[in-house]
Amino acid sequence: MVGSSSPGIPLVVIGRTRHISWGITAAVTDVSDLFREKISDDGLHYEVDGEQRDLIIDSQIIKVKDGEPVEFDLKHTHRGPLVPTSIIRNAQVLFGSKLPVYDGGNYTLSWAGRYPGESLFSALDHFHAKTLPELAAR
């Protein structure tokens, strides 16, 4: 098998075997959404359909060579991580020109690749196909 991939993707995205080849025809798709979140005053809850839910808080530590470790919390909702508008402002590649107003609000980023599914693992089956009908049957 030969081909190419992208950082973070553990598969050959565009490639070939001795029997079959594959590529990408529509690589730019809408796979991410921003949600405006109502965060509680204590910063520990968010609102969904009028009900309060607990934020998921992951404490992180980044070790710094010859320096003090950096500690911080990543906050998530069921939709994805909270992302400051200062970061969203530079993400036009994800959202085009339809970015939210930079109002300092709380937004979560929902990305299709974050959710479990078969799309990545089903691609592994493709590598074993020897004919196009065999590939289509997988």
Protein backbone atom coordinates (compact mmCIF):
# COMPACT_ATOMS: atom_id res chain seq x y z
CA MET A 1 0.00 0.00 0.00
CA VAL A 2 1.20 3.50 -0.82
CA GLY A 3 -0.44 6.88 -0.40
CA SER A 4 -0.75 9.91 1.79
CA SER A 5 -2.51 10.93 4.96
CA SER A 6 -2.98 13.92 7.22
CA PRO A 7 -1.60 14.50 10.72
CA GLY A 8 -3.79 12.79 13.28
CA ILE A 9 -5.43 10.39 10.82
CA PRO A 10 -4.05 6.87 11.25
CA LEU A 11 -5.00 5.76 7.73
CA VAL A 12 -3.89 6.23 4.16
CA VAL A 13 -6.50 8.76 2.98
CA ILE A 14 -5.48 8.86 -0.67
CA GLY A 15 -3.68 5.78 -1.94
CA ARG A 16 -3.56 2.43 -3.68
CA THR A 17 -2.80 -1.23 -3.22
CA ARG A 18 -1.81 -3.62 -6.01
CA HIS A 19 -5.52 -4.15 -6.70
CA ILE A 20 -7.44 -0.93 -6.07
CA SER A 21 -6.97 2.81 -5.52
CA TRP A 22 -8.99 5.51 -3.73
CA GLY A 23 -9.10 9.25 -3.28
CA ILE A 24 -11.15 12.17 -2.04
CA THR A 25 -13.63 14.03 -4.21
CA ALA A 26 -15.40 16.20 -1.63
CA ALA A 27 -12.92 16.92 1.12
CA VAL A 28 -14.47 20.24 2.18
CA THR A 29 -17.65 19.34 4.05
CA ASP A 30 -19.62 20.89 6.88
CA VAL A 31 -18.65 18.76 9.86
CA SER A 32 -18.53 21.32 12.68
CA ASP A 33 -21.04 23.54 14.48
CA LEU A 34 -20.83 26.24 17.13
CA PHE A 35 -23.37 26.38 19.94
CA ARG A 36 -23.89 29.45 22.15
CA GLU A 37 -23.98 28.18 25.74
CA LYS A 38 -25.55 29.65 28.88
CA ILE A 39 -23.00 29.02 31.64
CA SER A 40 -23.99 29.34 35.29
CA ASP A 41 -22.47 32.07 37.44
CA ASP A 42 -20.36 29.51 39.30
CA GLY A 43 -18.92 28.27 35.96
CA LEU A 44 -19.79 24.65 36.73
CA HIS A 45 -23.08 24.16 34.85
CA TYR A 46 -24.66 24.91 31.49
CA GLU A 47 -28.26 25.02 30.31
CA VAL A 48 -29.92 22.60 27.88
CA ASP A 49 -33.64 22.89 27.16
CA GLY A 50 -34.19 24.84 30.40
CA GLU A 51 -32.33 22.32 32.57
CA GLN A 52 -28.92 22.68 34.21
CA ARG A 53 -26.24 20.11 33.38
CA ASP A 54 -22.80 19.71 34.89
CA LEU A 55 -19.89 20.88 32.78
CA ILE A 56 -17.29 18.18 32.23
CA ILE A 57 -14.03 19.53 33.60
CA ASP A 58 -10.75 17.88 32.65
CA SER A 59 -7.77 19.15 34.63
CA GLN A 60 -4.64 19.23 32.49
CA ILE A 61 -0.95 19.63 33.27
CA ILE A 62 1.63 20.46 30.62
CA LYS A 63 5.17 19.74 31.72
CA VAL A 64 7.61 22.42 30.62
CA LYS A 65 11.28 21.55 30.22
CA ASP A 66 13.37 23.60 32.65
CA GLY A 67 10.23 25.36 33.85
CA GLU A 68 7.18 25.09 36.02
CA PRO A 69 4.30 22.93 34.81
CA VAL A 70 1.28 24.74 33.39
CA GLU A 71 -2.03 23.67 34.92
CA PHE A 72 -5.44 24.47 33.46
CA ASP A 73 -8.96 23.10 33.12
CA LEU A 74 -10.67 22.16 29.87
CA LYS A 75 -14.43 22.56 30.12
CA HIS A 76 -16.76 20.52 27.91
CA THR A 77 -20.49 20.15 27.35
CA HIS A 78 -22.09 17.10 25.75
CA ARG A 79 -21.57 18.92 22.43
CA GLY A 80 -17.84 19.53 22.76
CA PRO A 81 -15.23 21.81 24.34
CA LEU A 82 -15.89 25.41 25.35
CA VAL A 83 -13.96 27.63 22.94
CA PRO A 84 -13.28 31.33 23.54
CA THR A 85 -14.37 33.73 20.81
CA SER A 86 -10.75 34.90 20.55
CA ILE A 87 -9.91 31.47 19.11
CA ILE A 88 -13.07 31.27 16.99
CA ARG A 89 -12.19 34.62 15.44
CA ASN A 90 -9.25 32.92 13.68
CA ALA A 91 -11.18 29.83 12.59
CA GLN A 92 -12.71 30.99 9.32
CA VAL A 93 -11.44 27.80 7.69
CA LEU A 94 -14.01 25.96 9.84
CA PHE A 95 -16.93 28.38 9.66
CA GLY A 96 -16.42 30.58 6.61
CA SER A 97 -17.80 34.07 6.96
CA LYS A 98 -20.65 33.03 9.29
CA LEU A 99 -18.81 33.52 12.55
CA PRO A 100 -20.61 34.67 15.71
CA VAL A 101 -20.35 38.18 17.03
CA TYR A 102 -17.21 38.51 19.15
CA ASP A 103 -19.15 39.24 22.29
CA GLY A 104 -17.12 37.25 24.80
CA GLY A 105 -19.87 34.65 24.97
CA ASN A 106 -19.43 30.97 25.67
CA TYR A 107 -19.43 28.68 22.64
CA THR A 108 -18.89 24.98 22.24
CA LEU A 109 -17.40 23.41 19.16
CA SER A 110 -19.12 20.26 17.96
CA TRP A 111 -17.11 18.30 15.39
CA ALA A 112 -18.30 15.13 13.64
CA GLY A 113 -14.92 13.42 14.12
CA ARG A 114 -15.36 13.63 17.89
CA TYR A 115 -18.25 11.18 17.97
CA PRO A 116 -17.91 7.40 17.78
CA GLY A 117 -18.76 5.86 14.46
CA GLU A 118 -17.73 3.33 11.91
CA SER A 119 -16.42 5.63 9.21
CA LEU A 120 -12.76 5.48 10.24
CA PHE A 121 -12.69 1.76 10.98
CA SER A 122 -14.74 0.80 7.93
CA ALA A 123 -11.96 2.31 5.83
CA LEU A 124 -9.66 -0.42 7.14
CA ASP A 125 -11.77 -3.00 5.30
CA HIS A 126 -11.23 -1.19 2.03
CA PHE A 127 -7.53 -1.95 2.09
CA HIS A 128 -8.24 -5.67 1.64
CA ALA A 129 -10.52 -5.38 -1.41
CA LYS A 130 -9.16 -6.73 -4.69
CA THR A 131 -11.98 -5.61 -7.02
CA LEU A 132 -14.43 -2.71 -7.19
CA PRO A 133 -17.49 -4.95 -6.55
CA GLU A 134 -15.70 -6.40 -3.52
CA LEU A 135 -14.99 -2.89 -2.25
CA ALA A 136 -18.63 -1.83 -2.75
CA ALA A 137 -19.82 -4.90 -0.82
CA ARG A 138 -17.79 -4.01 2.26
